[in-house]
Each structure stands twice: as C-alpha cells, then as structure tokens.
C-alpha atoms as a PDB file:
ATOM      1  CA  MET A   1      16.442 -10.220 -48.368  1.00  0.00           C
ATOM      2  CA  TYR A   2      12.782  -9.143 -48.581  1.00  0.00           C
ATOM      3  CA  TYR A   3      11.895 -11.127 -45.464  1.00  0.00           C
ATOM      4  CA  ILE A   4      14.844  -9.657 -43.563  1.00  0.00           C
ATOM      5  CA  ILE A   5      13.673  -6.113 -44.409  1.00  0.00           C
ATOM      6  CA  VAL A   6      10.104  -6.911 -43.355  1.00  0.00           C
ATOM      7  CA  ILE A   7      11.256  -8.428 -40.070  1.00  0.00           C
ATOM      8  CA  SER A   8      13.523  -5.444 -39.378  1.00  0.00           C
ATOM      9  CA  ILE A   9      10.691  -2.991 -39.971  1.00  0.00           C
ATOM     10  CA  ALA A  10       8.415  -5.033 -37.744  1.00  0.00           C
ATOM     11  CA  LEU A  11      10.971  -4.977 -34.930  1.00  0.00           C
ATOM     12  CA  VAL A  12      11.382  -1.210 -35.225  1.00  0.00           C
ATOM     13  CA  LEU A  13       7.610  -0.697 -35.137  1.00  0.00           C
ATOM     14  CA  PHE A  14       7.303  -3.029 -32.147  1.00  0.00           C
ATOM     15  CA  TYR A  15       9.955  -1.053 -30.266  1.00  0.00           C
ATOM     16  CA  PHE A  16       8.401   2.313 -31.079  1.00  0.00           C
ATOM     17  CA  PHE A  17       4.790   1.481 -30.381  1.00  0.00           C
ATOM     18  CA  PHE A  18       5.167  -0.915 -27.471  1.00  0.00           C
ATOM     19  CA  VAL A  19       8.518  -0.755 -25.709  1.00  0.00           C
ATOM     20  CA  LYS A  20       9.146   2.973 -26.082  1.00  0.00           C
ATOM     21  CA  LYS A  21       5.508   3.810 -25.456  1.00  0.00           C
ATOM     22  CA  ASN A  22       5.431   1.751 -22.275  1.00  0.00           C
ATOM     23  CA  ASN A  23       8.680   3.255 -21.046  1.00  0.00           C
ATOM     24  CA  ASN A  24       7.234   6.735 -21.509  1.00  0.00           C
ATOM     25  CA  SER A  25       3.834   5.900 -20.052  1.00  0.00           C
ATOM     26  CA  GLN A  26       4.983   6.736 -16.538  1.00  0.00           C
ATOM     27  CA  LYS A  27       5.540  10.469 -16.460  1.00  0.00           C
ATOM     28  CA  THR A  28       8.584  11.336 -14.434  1.00  0.00           C
ATOM     29  CA  ILE A  29       7.695  13.777 -11.686  1.00  0.00           C
ATOM     30  CA  VAL A  30      10.631  16.169 -11.460  1.00  0.00           C
ATOM     31  CA  GLU A  31       9.217  18.025  -8.481  1.00  0.00           C
ATOM     32  CA  ILE A  32       6.272  17.436  -6.157  1.00  0.00           C
ATOM     33  CA  PRO A  33       3.815  20.327  -6.739  1.00  0.00           C
ATOM     34  CA  PRO A  34       3.654  22.760  -3.766  1.00  0.00           C
ATOM     35  CA  LEU A  35      -0.087  22.122  -3.568  1.00  0.00           C
ATOM     36  CA  TRP A  36       0.625  18.542  -2.534  1.00  0.00           C
ATOM     37  CA  HIS A  37       2.137  19.696   0.749  1.00  0.00           C
ATOM     38  CA  ASP A  38      -1.195  21.322   1.603  1.00  0.00           C
ATOM     39  CA  LEU A  39      -3.091  18.181   0.573  1.00  0.00           C
ATOM     40  CA  LEU A  40      -0.837  16.091   2.787  1.00  0.00           C
ATOM     41  CA  ILE A  41      -1.262  18.421   5.765  1.00  0.00           C
ATOM     42  CA  GLU A  42      -5.041  18.355   5.359  1.00  0.00           C
ATOM     43  CA  ASN A  43      -5.450  14.614   4.811  1.00  0.00           C
ATOM     44  CA  VAL A  44      -2.468  12.583   6.083  1.00  0.00           C
ATOM     45  CA  ASN A  45      -2.034  12.757   9.838  1.00  0.00           C
ATOM     46  CA  PHE A  46       1.244  10.797   9.712  1.00  0.00           C
ATOM     47  CA  TYR A  47       2.755  13.509   7.506  1.00  0.00           C
ATOM     48  CA  LYS A  48       1.297  16.323   9.579  1.00  0.00           C
ATOM     49  CA  GLN A  49       3.120  15.069  12.691  1.00  0.00           C
ATOM     50  CA  LEU A  50       6.555  15.131  11.011  1.00  0.00           C
ATOM     51  CA  THR A  51       9.156  17.866  11.330  1.00  0.00           C
ATOM     52  CA  ASP A  52       9.746  20.121   8.325  1.00  0.00           C
ATOM     53  CA  ASP A  53      12.871  18.176   7.366  1.00  0.00           C
ATOM     54  CA  ASN A  54      11.065  14.858   7.557  1.00  0.00           C
ATOM     55  CA  GLN A  55       8.129  16.243   5.598  1.00  0.00           C
ATOM     56  CA  LEU A  56      10.580  17.117   2.849  1.00  0.00           C
ATOM     57  CA  ARG A  57      12.030  13.605   3.024  1.00  0.00           C
ATOM     58  CA  PHE A  58       8.504  12.175   2.886  1.00  0.00           C
ATOM     59  CA  ARG A  59       7.744  14.108  -0.311  1.00  0.00           C
ATOM     60  CA  LYS A  60      11.005  12.939  -1.868  1.00  0.00           C
ATOM     61  CA  ARG A  61      10.033   9.348  -1.089  1.00  0.00           C
ATOM     62  CA  MET A  62       6.661   9.979  -2.723  1.00  0.00           C
ATOM     63  CA  ARG A  63       8.409  11.313  -5.813  1.00  0.00           C
ATOM     64  CA  SER A  64      10.633   8.240  -5.971  1.00  0.00           C
ATOM     65  CA  PHE A  65       7.594   5.964  -5.719  1.00  0.00           C
ATOM     66  CA  LEU A  66       5.643   7.840  -8.394  1.00  0.00           C
ATOM     67  CA  ASN A  67       8.611   7.750 -10.769  1.00  0.00           C
ATOM     68  CA  LYS A  68       8.520   3.955 -10.647  1.00  0.00           C
ATOM     69  CA  VAL A  69       4.857   3.084 -10.238  1.00  0.00           C
ATOM     70  CA  SER A  70       2.056   4.059 -12.589  1.00  0.00           C
ATOM     71  CA  ILE A  71      -1.278   5.071 -11.063  1.00  0.00           C
ATOM     72  CA  GLU A  72      -4.283   4.614 -13.329  1.00  0.00           C
ATOM     73  CA  ALA A  73      -7.944   5.461 -12.788  1.00  0.00           C
ATOM     74  CA  VAL A  74     -10.603   3.047 -14.053  1.00  0.00           C
ATOM     75  CA  GLY A  75     -13.864   4.728 -15.006  1.00  0.00           C
ATOM     76  CA  PHE A  76     -13.034   8.243 -13.827  1.00  0.00           C
ATOM     77  CA  GLU A  77     -10.439  10.993 -14.238  1.00  0.00           C
ATOM     78  CA  LEU A  78      -7.457  10.811 -11.927  1.00  0.00           C
ATOM     79  CA  GLU A  79      -7.065  13.726  -9.492  1.00  0.00           C
ATOM     80  CA  ASP A  80      -4.066  15.039  -7.558  1.00  0.00           C
ATOM     81  CA  LEU A  81      -5.471  13.792  -4.255  1.00  0.00           C
ATOM     82  CA  ASP A  82      -5.773  10.259  -5.657  1.00  0.00           C
ATOM     83  CA  LYS A  83      -2.054  10.214  -6.403  1.00  0.00           C
ATOM     84  CA  VAL A  84      -1.165  11.876  -3.105  1.00  0.00           C
ATOM     85  CA  LEU A  85      -3.058   9.312  -1.017  1.00  0.00           C
ATOM     86  CA  VAL A  86      -1.724   6.318  -2.926  1.00  0.00           C
ATOM     87  CA  ALA A  87       1.864   7.551  -2.660  1.00  0.00           C
ATOM     88  CA  ALA A  88       1.414   8.389   1.031  1.00  0.00           C
ATOM     89  CA  SER A  89       0.044   4.870   1.634  1.00  0.00           C
ATOM     90  CA  ALA A  90       3.184   3.478   0.051  1.00  0.00           C
ATOM     91  CA  VAL A  91       5.658   5.698   1.896  1.00  0.00           C
ATOM     92  CA  ILE A  92       4.261   5.437   5.424  1.00  0.00           C
ATOM     93  CA  PRO A  93       5.219   1.771   6.090  1.00  0.00           C
ATOM     94  CA  ILE A  94       8.772   2.188   4.724  1.00  0.00           C
ATOM     95  CA  PHE A  95       9.456   5.747   5.839  1.00  0.00           C
ATOM     96  CA  ASN A  96      12.068   4.721   8.425  1.00  0.00           C
ATOM     97  CA  PHE A  97      14.007   2.575   5.942  1.00  0.00           C
ATOM     98  CA  GLU A  98      16.313   4.503   3.642  1.00  0.00           C
ATOM     99  CA  ASN A  99      16.492   3.475  -0.015  1.00  0.00           C
ATOM    100  CA  TRP A 100      13.600   1.040   0.330  1.00  0.00           C
ATOM    101  CA  ASN A 101      11.039   0.675  -2.422  1.00  0.00           C
ATOM    102  CA  TYR A 102       8.539  -1.869  -3.736  1.00  0.00           C
ATOM    103  CA  PRO A 103      10.137  -4.024  -6.424  1.00  0.00           C
ATOM    104  CA  ASN A 104       6.962  -6.124  -6.604  1.00  0.00           C
ATOM    105  CA  ILE A 105       4.585  -3.480  -7.962  1.00  0.00           C
ATOM    106  CA  TYR A 106       4.423  -1.585 -11.242  1.00  0.00           C
ATOM    107  CA  THR A 107       0.845  -0.325 -11.384  1.00  0.00           C
ATOM    108  CA  VAL A 108      -1.884   0.798  -9.006  1.00  0.00           C
ATOM    109  CA  LEU A 109      -5.384   0.651 -10.492  1.00  0.00           C
ATOM    110  CA  ILE A 110      -7.992   2.797  -8.737  1.00  0.00           C
ATOM    111  CA  TYR A 111     -11.646   1.823  -9.054  1.00  0.00           C
ATOM    112  CA  PRO A 112     -14.251   4.448  -8.137  1.00  0.00           C
ATOM    113  CA  ASP A 113     -16.043   2.183  -5.657  1.00  0.00           C
ATOM    114  CA  TYR A 114     -15.782  -1.118  -3.841  1.00  0.00           C
ATOM    115  CA  PHE A 115     -15.580  -4.161  -6.088  1.00  0.00           C
ATOM    116  CA  ASN A 116     -16.227  -7.902  -5.953  1.00  0.00           C
ATOM    117  CA  LYS A 117     -14.030 -10.961  -6.485  1.00  0.00           C
ATOM    118  CA  GLN A 118     -14.543 -10.675 -10.240  1.00  0.00           C
ATOM    119  CA  LEU A 119     -13.154  -7.103 -10.031  1.00  0.00           C
ATOM    120  CA  GLN A 120     -16.534  -5.640 -10.977  1.00  0.00           C
ATOM    121  CA  PHE A 121     -17.670  -2.337  -9.524  1.00  0.00           C
ATOM    122  CA  THR A 122     -20.437  -1.220 -11.882  1.00  0.00           C
ATOM    123  CA  ASN A 123     -23.170  -3.607 -10.757  1.00  0.00           C
ATOM    124  CA  THR A 124     -25.332  -3.551  -7.663  1.00  0.00           C
ATOM    125  CA  GLU A 125     -24.432  -6.968  -6.284  1.00  0.00           C
ATOM    126  CA  LYS A 126     -24.171  -7.236  -2.528  1.00  0.00           C
ATOM    127  CA  ASP A 127     -20.742  -8.897  -2.733  1.00  0.00           C
ATOM    128  CA  ARG A 128     -19.047  -5.657  -3.803  1.00  0.00           C
ATOM    129  CA  ASN A 129     -17.220  -5.362  -0.488  1.00  0.00           C
ATOM    130  CA  ILE A 130     -13.543  -5.389  -1.448  1.00  0.00           C
ATOM    131  CA  GLY A 131     -11.654  -2.135  -0.924  1.00  0.00           C
ATOM    132  CA  GLY A 132      -8.226  -3.250  -2.065  1.00  0.00           C
ATOM    133  CA  LEU A 133      -6.124  -6.207  -3.066  1.00  0.00           C
ATOM    134  CA  VAL A 134      -2.628  -7.128  -4.183  1.00  0.00           C
ATOM    135  CA  GLY A 135      -2.895  -8.768  -7.571  1.00  0.00           C
ATOM    136  CA  THR A 136      -1.837 -12.276  -8.469  1.00  0.00           C
ATOM    137  CA  GLY A 137      -1.836 -14.241 -11.713  1.00  0.00           C
ATOM    138  CA  ARG A 138      -2.533 -11.918 -14.632  1.00  0.00           C
ATOM    139  CA  PHE A 139      -2.644  -9.029 -12.133  1.00  0.00           C
ATOM    140  CA  GLU A 140       0.770  -9.857 -10.637  1.00  0.00           C
ATOM    141  CA  ASN A 141       2.760  -6.722  -9.731  1.00  0.00           C
ATOM    142  CA  GLN A 142      -0.436  -4.694  -9.643  1.00  0.00           C
ATOM    143  CA  MET A 143      -2.546  -3.342  -6.820  1.00  0.00           C
ATOM    144  CA  ILE A 144      -6.232  -2.536  -7.082  1.00  0.00           C
ATOM    145  CA  LEU A 145      -7.769   0.018  -4.742  1.00  0.00           C
ATOM    146  CA  SER A 146     -11.254   1.401  -4.304  1.00  0.00           C
ATOM    147  CA  LYS A 147     -11.152   5.184  -4.342  1.00  0.00           C
ATOM    148  CA  LYS A 148     -13.938   5.267  -1.777  1.00  0.00           C
ATOM    149  CA  ALA A 149     -12.004   2.947   0.570  1.00  0.00           C
ATOM    150  CA  LEU A 150      -8.724   4.811  -0.019  1.00  0.00           C
ATOM    151  CA  TYR A 151     -10.279   8.146   0.890  1.00  0.00           C
ATOM    152  CA  HIS A 152     -12.139   6.752   3.897  1.00  0.00           C
ATOM    153  CA  GLY A 153      -8.858   5.442   5.323  1.00  0.00           C
ATOM    154  CA  PHE A 154      -7.429   8.958   5.507  1.00  0.00           C
ATOM    155  CA  PHE A 155     -10.554  11.051   6.073  1.00  0.00           C
ATOM    156  CA  ASN A 156     -11.785   9.107   9.119  1.00  0.00           C
ATOM    157  CA  LYS A 157      -9.422  10.217  11.870  1.00  0.00           C
ATOM    158  CA  THR A 158     -10.989   8.171  14.673  1.00  0.00           C
ATOM    159  CA  ASP A 159     -11.042   4.615  13.321  1.00  0.00           C
ATOM    160  CA  LYS A 160      -8.047   2.286  13.218  1.00  0.00           C
ATOM    161  CA  GLY A 161      -8.172   1.373   9.551  1.00  0.00           C
ATOM    162  CA  ASN A 162      -6.520   2.444   6.333  1.00  0.00           C
ATOM    163  CA  THR A 163      -7.017   0.394   3.157  1.00  0.00           C
ATOM    164  CA  GLY A 164      -4.055   1.901   1.306  1.00  0.00           C
ATOM    165  CA  ILE A 165      -1.597   1.167   4.110  1.00  0.00           C
ATOM    166  CA  HIS A 166      -3.123  -2.298   4.512  1.00  0.00           C
ATOM    167  CA  GLU A 167      -2.382  -3.272   0.910  1.00  0.00           C
ATOM    168  CA  PHE A 168       1.161  -1.886   0.882  1.00  0.00           C
ATOM    169  CA  VAL A 169       1.896  -3.825   4.083  1.00  0.00           C
ATOM    170  CA  HIS A 170       0.831  -6.940   2.182  1.00  0.00           C
ATOM    171  CA  LEU A 171       3.435  -6.033  -0.448  1.00  0.00           C
ATOM    172  CA  LEU A 172       6.113  -5.754   2.247  1.00  0.00           C
ATOM    173  CA  ASP A 173       5.011  -9.116   3.615  1.00  0.00           C
ATOM    174  CA  LYS A 174       5.331 -10.536   0.085  1.00  0.00           C
ATOM    175  CA  LEU A 175       8.966  -9.470  -0.350  1.00  0.00           C
ATOM    176  CA  ASP A 176      10.214 -12.751   1.102  1.00  0.00           C
ATOM    177  CA  GLY A 177       8.204 -14.702  -1.462  1.00  0.00           C
ATOM    178  CA  SER A 178       4.894 -15.247   0.297  1.00  0.00           C
ATOM    179  CA  VAL A 179       2.168 -13.260   2.032  1.00  0.00           C
ATOM    180  CA  ASP A 180       2.079 -15.130   5.345  1.00  0.00           C
ATOM    181  CA  GLY A 181       2.055 -12.529   8.103  1.00  0.00           C
ATOM    182  CA  ILE A 182       5.753 -13.045   8.833  1.00  0.00           C
ATOM    183  CA  PRO A 183       7.682 -10.162   7.234  1.00  0.00           C
ATOM    184  CA  GLU A 184      11.134 -11.733   7.181  1.00  0.00           C
ATOM    185  CA  ARG A 185      12.630  -8.619   5.562  1.00  0.00           C
ATOM    186  CA  LEU A 186      11.445  -6.556   8.554  1.00  0.00           C
ATOM    187  CA  LEU A 187      11.767  -8.922  11.495  1.00  0.00           C
ATOM    188  CA  ASN A 188      15.049 -10.601  12.357  1.00  0.00           C
ATOM    189  CA  ILE A 189      15.166 -14.292  13.216  1.00  0.00           C
ATOM    190  CA  LYS A 190      15.173 -13.799  16.987  1.00  0.00           C
ATOM    191  CA  ASN A 191      11.854 -11.939  16.782  1.00  0.00           C
ATOM    192  CA  ALA A 192      10.082 -14.455  14.520  1.00  0.00           C
ATOM    193  CA  THR A 193       8.941 -16.849  17.266  1.00  0.00           C
ATOM    194  CA  PRO A 194       7.837 -14.123  19.711  1.00  0.00           C
ATOM    195  CA  TRP A 195       5.943 -12.488  16.833  1.00  0.00           C
ATOM    196  CA  LEU A 196       4.138 -15.712  15.967  1.00  0.00           C
ATOM    197  CA  ASN A 197       3.179 -16.345  19.595  1.00  0.00           C
ATOM    198  CA  LEU A 198       1.937 -12.785  20.017  1.00  0.00           C
ATOM    199  CA  MET A 199       0.043 -12.908  16.736  1.00  0.00           C
ATOM    200  CA  TYR A 200      -1.799 -16.128  17.614  1.00  0.00           C
ATOM    201  CA  ASN A 201      -2.733 -14.772  21.036  1.00  0.00           C
ATOM    202  CA  LYS A 202      -4.095 -11.589  19.535  1.00  0.00           C
ATOM    203  CA  MET A 203      -5.992 -13.466  16.831  1.00  0.00           C
ATOM    204  CA  GLU A 204      -7.583 -15.691  19.454  1.00  0.00           C
ATOM    205  CA  ALA A 205      -8.716 -12.618  21.379  1.00  0.00           C
ATOM    206  CA  ILE A 206     -10.198 -11.139  18.208  1.00  0.00           C
ATOM    207  CA  ASN A 207     -12.136 -14.315  17.458  1.00  0.00           C
ATOM    208  CA  ASN A 208     -13.370 -14.462  21.053  1.00  0.00           C
ATOM    209  CA  ASN A 209     -14.680 -10.889  20.753  1.00  0.00           C
ATOM    210  CA  THR A 210     -12.360  -9.680  23.511  1.00  0.00           C
ATOM    211  CA  SER A 211     -10.230  -7.332  21.398  1.00  0.00           C
ATOM    212  CA  ASP A 212     -10.671  -3.897  19.845  1.00  0.00           C
ATOM    213  CA  ILE A 213      -8.567  -4.960  16.843  1.00  0.00           C
ATOM    214  CA  ARG A 214     -10.723  -5.211  13.729  1.00  0.00           C
ATOM    215  CA  ASN A 215     -12.379  -8.615  13.235  1.00  0.00           C
ATOM    216  CA  TYR A 216     -10.766  -9.114   9.838  1.00  0.00           C
ATOM    217  CA  GLY A 217      -7.441  -9.447  11.637  1.00  0.00           C
ATOM    218  CA  GLY A 218      -8.617 -12.752  13.090  1.00  0.00           C
ATOM    219  CA  THR A 219      -9.146 -14.455   9.725  1.00  0.00           C
ATOM    220  CA  SER A 220      -5.508 -15.268   8.921  1.00  0.00           C
ATOM    221  CA  ARG A 221      -1.918 -14.433   9.835  1.00  0.00           C
ATOM    222  CA  GLU A 222      -1.390 -12.203   6.814  1.00  0.00           C
ATOM    223  CA  GLU A 223      -4.545 -10.238   7.508  1.00  0.00           C
ATOM    224  CA  PHE A 224      -3.647  -9.860  11.163  1.00  0.00           C
ATOM    225  CA  PHE A 225      -0.293  -8.328  10.243  1.00  0.00           C
ATOM    226  CA  ALA A 226      -1.919  -5.896   7.800  1.00  0.00           C
ATOM    227  CA  VAL A 227      -4.799  -4.957  10.148  1.00  0.00           C
ATOM    228  CA  ALA A 228      -2.474  -4.500  13.136  1.00  0.00           C
ATOM    229  CA  SER A 229      -0.221  -2.318  10.974  1.00  0.00           C
ATOM    230  CA  GLU A 230      -3.182  -0.115  10.029  1.00  0.00           C
ATOM    231  CA  TYR A 231      -3.888   0.345  13.739  1.00  0.00           C
ATOM    232  CA  PHE A 232      -0.208   1.061  14.405  1.00  0.00           C
ATOM    233  CA  PHE A 233       0.004   3.878  11.872  1.00  0.00           C
ATOM    234  CA  GLU A 234      -3.497   5.315  12.315  1.00  0.00           C
ATOM    235  CA  ARG A 235      -3.828   5.267  16.120  1.00  0.00           C
ATOM    236  CA  PRO A 236      -0.329   4.673  17.533  1.00  0.00           C
ATOM    237  CA  LYS A 237      -1.029   6.144  20.983  1.00  0.00           C
ATOM    238  CA  LEU A 238      -4.151   4.038  21.424  1.00  0.00           C
ATOM    239  CA  LEU A 239      -2.359   0.886  20.283  1.00  0.00           C
ATOM    240  CA  ARG A 240       0.513   1.587  22.665  1.00  0.00           C
ATOM    241  CA  ARG A 241      -1.915   1.961  25.580  1.00  0.00           C
ATOM    242  CA  LYS A 242      -4.121  -1.049  24.793  1.00  0.00           C
ATOM    243  CA  HIS A 243      -1.574  -3.404  23.238  1.00  0.00           C
ATOM    244  CA  PRO A 244       1.898  -2.397  24.473  1.00  0.00           C
ATOM    245  CA  GLU A 245       3.601  -5.638  23.457  1.00  0.00           C
ATOM    246  CA  LEU A 246       2.116  -5.500  19.962  1.00  0.00           C
ATOM    247  CA  TYR A 247       3.071  -1.839  19.662  1.00  0.00           C
ATOM    248  CA  LYS A 248       6.645  -2.628  20.681  1.00  0.00           C
ATOM    249  CA  MET A 249       6.926  -5.475  18.156  1.00  0.00           C
ATOM    250  CA  LEU A 250       5.526  -3.393  15.309  1.00  0.00           C
ATOM    251  CA  SER A 251       7.871  -0.552  16.285  1.00  0.00           C
ATOM    252  CA  VAL A 252      10.787  -2.925  15.769  1.00  0.00           C
ATOM    253  CA  CYS A 253       9.247  -4.160  12.536  1.00  0.00           C
ATOM    254  CA  PHE A 254       8.820  -0.698  11.005  1.00  0.00           C
ATOM    255  CA  GLY A 255      12.008   0.822  12.367  1.00  0.00           C
ATOM    256  CA  ASN A 256      10.419   3.293  14.782  1.00  0.00           C
ATOM    257  CA  LYS A 257      12.896   4.632  17.310  1.00  0.00           C
END
C-alpha cells in the first residue's frame, strides 16, 4: 500500500510540474494587440499590400499560429516585433490556403545573431554564418532563427531574400516526409515533372553565373525551392518579369490567383 501511495503522489507531481506546466507554457493570445497592425504595416510589405479584410484575416492566421507555436528568445528578452516577424514569416507562404497550419513545428528559438553548425552564437568564429534552420534529431519540430537575419529579411526592401520565409517554406516542403524541393502537398502530380525540369534549368543557370537568383539556390533542390520562394514573396513583380515560367509555377504552388 505504501508503494502505491508513493507512486500515486509521484504521478500527480509529474502531471502538475511537467505536463500541466508545459501545456500552460504557450500563452494563448486572445486578441492580436492593435499595435501589431502598425508594426506589420511598417515592416511587412506583403501585409501592407493586402485589403483591410485580408489584413484582418492575416492577423487571425497569426493568432492561430501563435496559439500553437511557442517563440522563445535565447540570450535576450523577446520583443513584440520578434513575435510579429516570426508569425508573419509563417503566415505568408500559407496565406492562400484556408485552415492550413504547421503540424511539424512546436517551438521557434530566436538567437540574437548568426550561429554556426554547433548552434553557437557567442563566439567570434568565422563560421557563424547560419541565419536559420529547421531542426532535426533532438531539435525535431523546432526552428532556430537568427534575430539579425530575421530582421534583415523584412527591413531590406530591395533584396530578394527573407530568412524567416525561407525556413517556413522548408517546413512546407517537409510535410510530405522529406525536404527535397518537391512540395507534394502544394504541387499536384501533373506539375511535378515540369517543376523538376524548370528547377534543374534554373539551378544550372545559377551555377553558371547567368541568373539573378541567389547563389545558394544552386546548391540543392530543397534550397532552390526555398530561395525561389523568398524571391517570389519579396519581389514578385521582378520575378514575374525576369522568370515568368518560375513565377507561374510558384503561383500555382502557393495558391495565388
């Protein structure tokens, strides 16, 4: 009987301190603060271009994301703009798909600066050049972002890159089980072969220095998809003019009408 009582108490303590605590660790956001609309207008061009109704829908999608995913700062105090830019990065790629979310992420960790392969950001090593990654292994279902890279992606209005969008596109790519540059959940079967052919042609042009698509897109299929998606959301008019076929394919992929 004594052992049964001890075990029962242990189970209750485990539930209270671990299960209940973890369930309450993600604060439910009942309403997006009005200030966030101003932050979005100032910093997220995608949001700024939307109608009032779609801006409201965008904020509701942000709220849904933040109710499910915990955002944690590593080495600094989290600010409103940190949460706004992470949530915007998540919503932009899936904005045209109703009731879509990211079942493969629970936590976004934000480092203050770029980090290296060992996830270190406090040293002065030259290999601290990673701005974001989708975790695997013990970091499965987590994303790690550099605050500096996250902010640069939204503050620089003239480049074609956005680290936050890049990493969430990787998560979309991963929904079919692997990050391989072929988003089966987004592209139907009839578009798979044309997409592969187009992707290889564009990657060859990148590696031959005859393309304005960022060089990193030529390193692998998965990176091409993410880099091209950054371009698509950051500079859609330029992409449409310089790469009309790629623009059309990505429009199909992301549900643009």
